[in-house]
Amino acid sequence: MDFCRREVPYCFIESPECLLDFQSTFLKITLLPTNTIVHDAIKYSLGSRTSMEPVWRLIKGCNWQLDNILAGLEEMDFTSNVRDNSLISAHTDLSVRKYFNREHCIVAPSNLGLLPPLSSFPAIWDPLSINQLLSNQQYTDLRDERKALPSQHSRSSLPTPTLNEIRLMLLDPVEQCIGQIHEKRLHIFRGKQAFVSLIPSLSKPKPRLKKQSKF
């Protein structure tokens, strides 16, 4: 209930690793596999068009445990009428859909530090490609583009986003970030407005320290 009182009730869940979205009368669960690139993540949508009550009854019936909900979903036969399944027998107005999330790629937070460096520039700078660039420091001259915008109010006092803040924005499906090359600079957009830019490079990343079991 605290989760639903948030201004925007969605978040990443660590275990089981998934993206949880409850911004409407539908509970949406996007499963995040253990691989790095998630282009076709499995997504479930549970709810009713008229009320939040059906999905609340389901949550209570599953003892408030996300694991129990997912276990029931995995046992469902989506080739037949899902209303006949015992998981949702508590309320007939509840509908369940299973589909693939193909809107944009999603990077699971647990894999963010394992992204491989870019060996060539991509045709499309999606959030995954930009995160690869940032994670392996394959760039120079990071610049805050918001300070260059004409405005009635001065933007010079705006703090430049840190590297971690930019990576979190790229992770957020709601932000819908994308990159575009202009005069050798990669401009990273949030919607229609570029907020930072940098010069991408295919230089090899610095070697990382390996954890040793003995000294």
Foldseek 3Di string as FASTA:
>chain_A
DVLQPDPFRWDFDVVQTWIWGDRDLKTKTWGDDPDFKAQWTKMKIKGAPPHNVQVVVLCVVQVVDPVSVVVQVVPADPVDQRLPRPSRVVDSRMDMDIGTPNPAMAGGPVCLLVQAADQDDDPWFALSNVSNQLSLVQWDDKFFCVQVDDDPDHPPPPDQDDSVRVNVLSNDPQQRWTWDDDPQKIFIDRPPDGGIITHGHRDGGDDDDDDDPDD
